[in-house]
Amino acid sequence: MISADHFWLLAVAMGVDALVGDPDLVWSRVPHPVALIGRLIALLDRGFNRREFGTAWLGVLGVLALLVVIVIAAGIGYALELAFARPFGWVGTILVAAVMLAGRSLYNHVAAVAAAFTVSLDAARTAVARIVGRDPASLDEARICRAAIESAAENFSDGVVAPALWFLLLGLPGLFAYKAINTADSMIGHLSPRYRAFGWAAARLDDVVNLPASRLAGVLVALAAPFAGGQIGQSLRIMATDAGKHRSPNAGWPEAAMAAALGVALAGPRRYAGIIVNDPFLNEHGRRDATPVDIRRALRIYLGANALAFAAVLVVAVARALA
């Protein structure tokens, strides 16, 4: 059963993340918890992901590596909860939860892409390369803008809604376990020859744990469509019809909702590591010549969706406190 305390703790954590984000002053001196998880994954990748083991064994070792990362991450979360089970320990829980949310940092990274256009197209390519895995040299203005908008939509689910949901369900152990799975997927859950066997478990489990969050994120984006002049009904309709066109079972939901809210076409053919991915467009009748103005409109929707999520959590927290 979800703890009533988790709602007000999450509401405050979301507020702290929105106000503070990930200050460079702190994380330039000490490693971020997600970075530490990444180091563990990289260590296991180097030790287990060796071609001489053969495809079948690489699949098994990939599962083993993923389990090790999840157990260690969840164990750290559990240890922190025990440490915070004392007077005023809620302060520690809030700070740790805020650190594991990515609301403010995602906004800053996407906004940096829009701002970079005032410098040069190359500056915008450099900025967008920090948040997407596409070949930046192949991107023109419209493709850069679409990539930034897609990142804002998809990572609203992965970086805000999903960790919030898993914290509500399982507290800090659930939050840390989710971040471990999501980080593993981003590092090894690829279809490249090196990771096709070793990373399949990370990719599939990430799909599973993001299923509820992606649908909720899509609805929140649709509800926030009026913040950029979009229509809620249209956004929900396109989300329902187009989400399944995306190669990911999850990313299509918030991306399709965002595409309809902005009146642009997202996804479509893209290039990753020299390989062209011929995916269909989401909201295919929308504009394909996205501009930096559209990135800023997407950020207004993003802020609106975050505000709606915060309001929902706060209302439940207050209702449970008064019950």
Protein backbone atom coordinates (compact mmCIF):
# COMPACT_ATOMS: atom_id res chain seq x y z
CA MET A 1 0.00 0.00 0.00
CA ILE A 2 1.27 3.48 -0.82
CA SER A 3 2.35 5.37 2.29
CA ALA A 4 0.46 8.61 2.95
CA ASP A 5 3.77 10.22 3.90
CA HIS A 6 5.16 9.61 0.42
CA PHE A 7 2.75 12.12 -1.12
CA TRP A 8 3.77 15.12 0.94
CA LEU A 9 7.43 14.10 0.85
CA LEU A 10 7.23 13.89 -2.94
CA ALA A 11 5.41 17.23 -3.22
CA VAL A 12 8.15 18.99 -1.27
CA ALA A 13 10.89 17.13 -3.20
CA MET A 14 9.34 18.24 -6.49
CA GLY A 15 9.33 21.81 -5.22
CA VAL A 16 12.97 21.60 -4.15
CA ASP A 17 13.97 20.15 -7.53
CA ALA A 18 12.08 22.90 -9.36
CA LEU A 19 13.80 25.62 -7.34
CA VAL A 20 17.32 24.21 -7.06
CA GLY A 21 17.77 21.48 -9.68
CA ASP A 22 21.26 19.97 -9.89
CA PRO A 23 23.62 22.78 -8.83
CA ASP A 24 27.04 22.55 -10.48
CA LEU A 25 28.58 23.86 -7.28
CA VAL A 26 27.69 20.58 -5.59
CA TRP A 27 28.04 17.99 -8.35
CA SER A 28 31.34 19.36 -9.61
CA ARG A 29 32.80 18.36 -6.24
CA VAL A 30 30.99 15.13 -5.41
CA PRO A 31 29.60 12.51 -7.80
CA HIS A 32 25.87 12.48 -8.43
CA PRO A 33 24.19 9.23 -7.31
CA VAL A 34 23.17 8.47 -10.89
CA ALA A 35 26.78 8.94 -11.96
CA LEU A 36 27.83 6.38 -9.33
CA ILE A 37 25.24 3.95 -10.66
CA GLY A 38 26.67 4.58 -14.11
CA ARG A 39 30.18 3.75 -12.92
CA LEU A 40 28.97 0.43 -11.52
CA ILE A 41 27.24 -0.40 -14.80
CA ALA A 42 30.37 0.52 -16.76
CA LEU A 43 32.46 -1.71 -14.47
CA LEU A 44 30.13 -4.68 -15.00
CA ASP A 45 30.05 -3.96 -18.73
CA ARG A 46 33.83 -4.16 -18.95
CA GLY A 47 33.97 -7.32 -16.84
CA PHE A 48 31.05 -9.30 -18.26
CA ASN A 49 30.43 -8.05 -21.80
CA ARG A 50 33.20 -9.89 -23.61
CA ARG A 51 32.78 -11.36 -27.07
CA GLU A 52 34.57 -14.59 -26.16
CA PHE A 53 31.69 -15.58 -23.87
CA GLY A 54 29.36 -16.05 -26.84
CA THR A 55 25.87 -14.67 -27.50
CA ALA A 56 23.91 -16.99 -25.20
CA TRP A 57 26.17 -16.40 -22.22
CA LEU A 58 26.25 -12.66 -22.85
CA GLY A 59 22.47 -12.61 -22.49
CA VAL A 60 22.70 -14.45 -19.17
CA LEU A 61 25.51 -12.22 -17.93
CA GLY A 62 23.51 -9.15 -18.93
CA VAL A 63 20.66 -10.33 -16.72
CA LEU A 64 23.09 -10.99 -13.87
CA ALA A 65 24.72 -7.58 -14.22
CA LEU A 66 21.32 -5.88 -14.22
CA LEU A 67 20.25 -7.75 -11.07
CA VAL A 68 23.46 -6.75 -9.30
CA VAL A 69 22.89 -3.08 -10.13
CA ILE A 70 19.23 -3.16 -9.05
CA VAL A 71 19.93 -4.97 -5.77
CA ILE A 72 22.76 -2.60 -4.85
CA ALA A 73 20.75 0.50 -5.78
CA ALA A 74 17.62 -0.66 -3.93
CA GLY A 75 19.78 -1.65 -0.96
CA ILE A 76 21.23 1.85 -0.78
CA GLY A 77 17.73 3.29 -0.92
CA TYR A 78 16.62 0.97 1.89
CA ALA A 79 19.66 1.85 4.00
CA LEU A 80 18.89 5.54 3.57
CA GLU A 81 15.29 5.00 4.63
CA LEU A 82 16.51 3.26 7.79
CA ALA A 83 18.94 6.11 8.43
CA PHE A 84 16.15 8.65 8.00
CA ALA A 85 13.74 6.80 10.33
CA ARG A 86 14.32 9.26 13.14
CA PRO A 87 13.09 12.73 14.13
CA PHE A 88 13.50 15.16 11.22
CA GLY A 89 14.75 12.32 9.03
CA TRP A 90 12.12 13.44 6.50
CA VAL A 91 14.50 16.25 5.55
CA GLY A 92 17.00 13.70 4.26
CA THR A 93 14.30 11.80 2.38
CA ILE A 94 13.15 14.98 0.66
CA LEU A 95 16.67 16.00 -0.34
CA VAL A 96 17.54 12.56 -1.70
CA ALA A 97 14.28 12.32 -3.64
CA ALA A 98 14.82 15.81 -5.06
CA VAL A 99 18.32 14.84 -6.21
CA MET A 100 16.90 11.82 -8.08
CA LEU A 101 14.30 13.89 -9.94
CA ALA A 102 15.41 15.58 -13.16
CA GLY A 103 12.73 18.20 -13.70
CA ARG A 104 14.84 21.35 -13.45
CA SER A 105 17.93 19.92 -15.14
CA LEU A 106 15.91 18.69 -18.14
CA TYR A 107 14.34 22.13 -18.55
CA ASN A 108 17.78 23.76 -18.44
CA HIS A 109 19.25 21.39 -21.04
CA VAL A 110 16.38 21.84 -23.48
CA ALA A 111 16.29 25.60 -22.96
CA ALA A 112 20.02 25.68 -23.70
CA VAL A 113 19.32 24.33 -27.18
CA ALA A 114 16.90 27.16 -27.94
CA ALA A 115 19.35 29.72 -26.55
CA ALA A 116 22.23 28.27 -28.59
CA PHE A 117 20.50 29.25 -31.84
CA THR A 118 21.25 32.89 -30.97
CA VAL A 119 24.94 31.99 -31.23
CA SER A 120 25.12 29.68 -34.24
CA LEU A 121 23.75 26.50 -35.76
CA ASP A 122 26.88 24.63 -34.64
CA ALA A 123 26.31 25.81 -31.08
CA ALA A 124 22.78 24.42 -31.25
CA ARG A 125 24.12 21.11 -32.57
CA THR A 126 26.54 20.94 -29.64
CA ALA A 127 23.77 21.70 -27.16
CA VAL A 128 21.33 19.13 -28.54
CA ALA A 129 24.06 16.46 -28.64
CA ARG A 130 24.09 16.61 -24.83
CA ILE A 131 20.53 15.30 -24.61
CA VAL A 132 20.04 13.06 -27.67
CA GLY A 133 22.06 10.29 -29.27
CA ARG A 134 21.75 11.40 -32.90
CA ASP A 135 24.58 12.44 -35.18
CA PRO A 136 24.60 16.22 -34.60
CA ALA A 137 26.45 17.01 -37.84
CA SER A 138 23.51 15.67 -39.85
CA LEU A 139 20.94 17.92 -38.13
CA ASP A 140 19.60 21.13 -39.65
CA GLU A 141 17.63 23.69 -37.65
CA ALA A 142 14.30 21.88 -37.91
CA ARG A 143 15.78 18.50 -36.94
CA ILE A 144 17.63 20.03 -33.98
CA CYS A 145 14.41 21.63 -32.76
CA ARG A 146 12.41 18.43 -33.18
CA ALA A 147 15.09 16.46 -31.31
CA ALA A 148 15.02 18.91 -28.40
CA ILE A 149 11.21 18.81 -28.24
CA GLU A 150 11.18 15.01 -28.34
CA SER A 151 13.73 14.93 -25.52
CA ALA A 152 11.60 17.24 -23.40
CA ALA A 153 8.55 15.02 -23.90
CA GLU A 154 10.20 11.61 -23.47
CA ASN A 155 12.35 12.61 -20.52
CA PHE A 156 9.41 14.21 -18.75
CA SER A 157 8.24 10.62 -18.41
CA ASP A 158 11.63 9.06 -17.63
CA GLY A 159 13.07 11.85 -15.50
CA VAL A 160 10.06 13.14 -13.59
CA VAL A 161 6.87 11.07 -13.74
CA ALA A 162 8.39 7.58 -13.51
CA PRO A 163 10.74 8.25 -10.58
CA ALA A 164 7.90 10.04 -8.79
CA LEU A 165 5.59 7.06 -9.27
CA TRP A 166 8.14 4.55 -8.06
CA PHE A 167 8.87 6.70 -5.02
CA LEU A 168 5.16 6.80 -4.23
CA LEU A 169 4.91 3.02 -4.58
CA LEU A 170 8.12 1.85 -2.91
CA GLY A 171 9.85 4.83 -1.32
CA LEU A 172 13.57 5.39 -1.72
CA PRO A 173 14.31 1.72 -2.57
CA GLY A 174 11.85 1.90 -5.47
CA LEU A 175 13.21 5.26 -6.60
CA PHE A 176 16.82 4.03 -6.58
CA ALA A 177 15.92 0.76 -8.29
CA TYR A 178 14.08 2.65 -11.03
CA LYS A 179 17.01 5.01 -11.62
CA ALA A 180 19.33 2.00 -11.82
CA ILE A 181 17.14 0.34 -14.48
CA ASN A 182 16.75 3.54 -16.46
CA THR A 183 20.49 4.29 -16.34
CA ALA A 184 21.31 0.74 -17.41
CA ASP A 185 18.97 1.07 -20.38
CA SER A 186 20.59 4.34 -21.45
CA MET A 187 24.08 2.83 -21.23
CA ILE A 188 23.71 -0.76 -22.45
CA GLY A 189 20.14 -1.18 -23.70
CA HIS A 190 21.05 -0.66 -27.36
CA LEU A 191 20.66 -2.72 -30.53
CA SER A 192 24.30 -2.24 -31.52
CA PRO A 193 26.39 -5.40 -32.04
CA ARG A 194 28.13 -4.88 -28.71
CA TYR A 195 24.93 -4.64 -26.65
CA ARG A 196 22.30 -6.58 -28.58
CA ALA A 197 22.73 -9.65 -26.34
CA PHE A 198 24.21 -8.14 -23.17
CA GLY A 199 21.78 -5.23 -22.93
CA TRP A 200 18.48 -6.84 -23.92
CA ALA A 201 17.37 -7.37 -20.31
CA ALA A 202 18.03 -3.74 -19.40
CA ALA A 203 16.06 -2.53 -22.41
CA ARG A 204 13.08 -4.81 -21.81
CA LEU A 205 12.87 -4.16 -18.07
CA ASP A 206 13.09 -0.40 -18.66
CA ASP A 207 10.13 -0.76 -21.05
CA VAL A 208 8.13 -2.53 -18.34
CA VAL A 209 8.84 -0.14 -15.46
CA ASN A 210 8.03 2.88 -17.64
CA LEU A 211 4.68 1.60 -18.95
CA PRO A 212 2.41 3.38 -16.43
CA ALA A 213 4.48 6.58 -16.26
CA SER A 214 4.60 7.09 -20.01
CA ARG A 215 0.80 6.97 -20.33
CA LEU A 216 0.37 9.34 -17.39
CA ALA A 217 3.04 11.66 -18.78
CA GLY A 218 1.23 11.75 -22.12
CA VAL A 219 -2.03 12.71 -20.43
CA LEU A 220 -0.30 15.45 -18.43
CA VAL A 221 1.31 16.84 -21.60
CA ALA A 222 -2.08 16.83 -23.32
CA LEU A 223 -3.72 18.60 -20.37
CA ALA A 224 -0.98 21.24 -20.54
CA ALA A 225 -1.46 21.81 -24.30
CA PRO A 226 -3.29 25.14 -23.76
CA PHE A 227 -0.11 26.59 -22.23
CA ALA A 228 1.22 26.77 -25.81
CA GLY A 229 -2.05 27.40 -27.64
CA GLY A 230 -2.81 23.72 -28.23
CA GLN A 231 -6.03 21.81 -27.67
CA ILE A 232 -6.41 19.12 -25.02
CA GLY A 233 -8.82 17.03 -27.08
CA GLN A 234 -6.64 17.06 -30.17
CA SER A 235 -3.56 16.18 -28.15
CA LEU A 236 -5.33 13.24 -26.49
CA ARG A 237 -6.68 12.02 -29.83
CA ILE A 238 -3.31 12.07 -31.58
CA MET A 239 -1.69 10.43 -28.56
CA ALA A 240 -4.21 7.59 -28.71
CA THR A 241 -3.81 7.01 -32.45
CA ASP A 242 -0.09 7.68 -32.95
CA ALA A 243 1.68 6.52 -29.77
CA GLY A 244 1.89 2.97 -31.10
CA LYS A 245 3.75 4.12 -34.21
CA HIS A 246 6.88 4.80 -32.15
CA ARG A 247 9.48 2.03 -31.93
CA SER A 248 9.44 2.46 -28.15
CA PRO A 249 6.35 1.19 -26.30
CA ASN A 250 6.59 4.23 -24.04
CA ALA A 251 8.20 7.25 -25.71
CA GLY A 252 5.41 7.58 -28.26
CA TRP A 253 2.83 8.59 -25.63
CA PRO A 254 4.30 11.88 -24.39
CA GLU A 255 5.89 12.60 -27.80
CA ALA A 256 2.64 12.19 -29.71
CA ALA A 257 0.79 14.34 -27.17
CA MET A 258 3.48 17.02 -27.45
CA ALA A 259 3.47 16.88 -31.26
CA ALA A 260 -0.28 17.50 -31.41
CA ALA A 261 -0.13 20.21 -28.74
CA LEU A 262 2.45 22.12 -30.79
CA GLY A 263 1.06 21.32 -34.23
CA VAL A 264 4.38 19.82 -35.36
CA ALA A 265 5.40 16.38 -36.60
CA LEU A 266 7.87 14.54 -34.37
CA ALA A 267 9.94 11.34 -34.66
CA GLY A 268 10.19 10.25 -38.31
CA PRO A 269 13.48 9.26 -40.01
CA ARG A 270 16.56 9.87 -37.83
CA ARG A 271 20.24 8.98 -37.89
CA TYR A 272 22.00 7.22 -34.99
CA ALA A 273 25.70 6.35 -35.23
CA GLY A 274 25.52 6.54 -39.00
CA ILE A 275 22.43 4.32 -39.21
CA ILE A 276 19.19 5.81 -40.55
CA VAL A 277 16.08 4.81 -38.59
CA ASN A 278 13.02 5.08 -40.85
CA ASP A 279 10.30 5.56 -38.27
CA PRO A 280 6.92 7.11 -39.14
CA PHE A 281 6.09 10.62 -38.01
CA LEU A 282 3.88 11.26 -35.01
CA ASN A 283 1.16 13.78 -35.88
CA GLU A 284 2.26 13.35 -39.48
CA HIS A 285 0.15 16.23 -40.79
CA GLY A 286 1.85 18.71 -38.48
CA ARG A 287 4.63 21.10 -39.46
CA ARG A 288 8.06 19.53 -39.93
CA ASP A 289 9.93 22.83 -39.98
CA ALA A 290 10.10 23.20 -36.19
CA THR A 291 11.85 26.34 -34.94
CA PRO A 292 13.45 27.56 -31.70
CA VAL A 293 10.09 29.21 -30.94
CA ASP A 294 8.56 25.73 -30.89
CA ILE A 295 11.18 24.60 -28.36
CA ARG A 296 10.13 27.45 -26.09
CA ARG A 297 6.47 26.55 -26.58
CA ALA A 298 7.31 22.94 -25.69
CA LEU A 299 8.99 24.17 -22.52
CA ARG A 300 5.81 26.03 -21.55
CA ILE A 301 3.89 22.78 -21.95
CA TYR A 302 6.60 20.99 -19.99
CA LEU A 303 6.30 23.46 -17.13
CA GLY A 304 2.52 23.18 -17.23
CA ALA A 305 2.67 19.38 -17.11
CA ASN A 306 5.06 19.54 -14.16
CA ALA A 307 2.75 21.98 -12.39
CA LEU A 308 -0.23 19.67 -12.94
CA ALA A 309 1.73 16.70 -11.59
CA PHE A 310 2.80 18.72 -8.54
CA ALA A 311 -0.76 19.91 -7.94
CA ALA A 312 -2.12 16.36 -8.13
CA VAL A 313 0.43 15.06 -5.63
CA LEU A 314 -0.21 18.01 -3.31
CA VAL A 315 -3.99 17.56 -3.41
CA VAL A 316 -3.68 13.89 -2.49
CA ALA A 317 -1.20 14.77 0.28
CA VAL A 318 -3.59 17.31 1.77
CA ALA A 319 -6.60 15.02 1.40
CA ARG A 320 -4.83 12.18 3.18
CA ALA A 321 -3.65 14.53 5.92
CA LEU A 322 -7.22 15.70 6.53
CA ALA A 323 -8.78 12.23 6.34
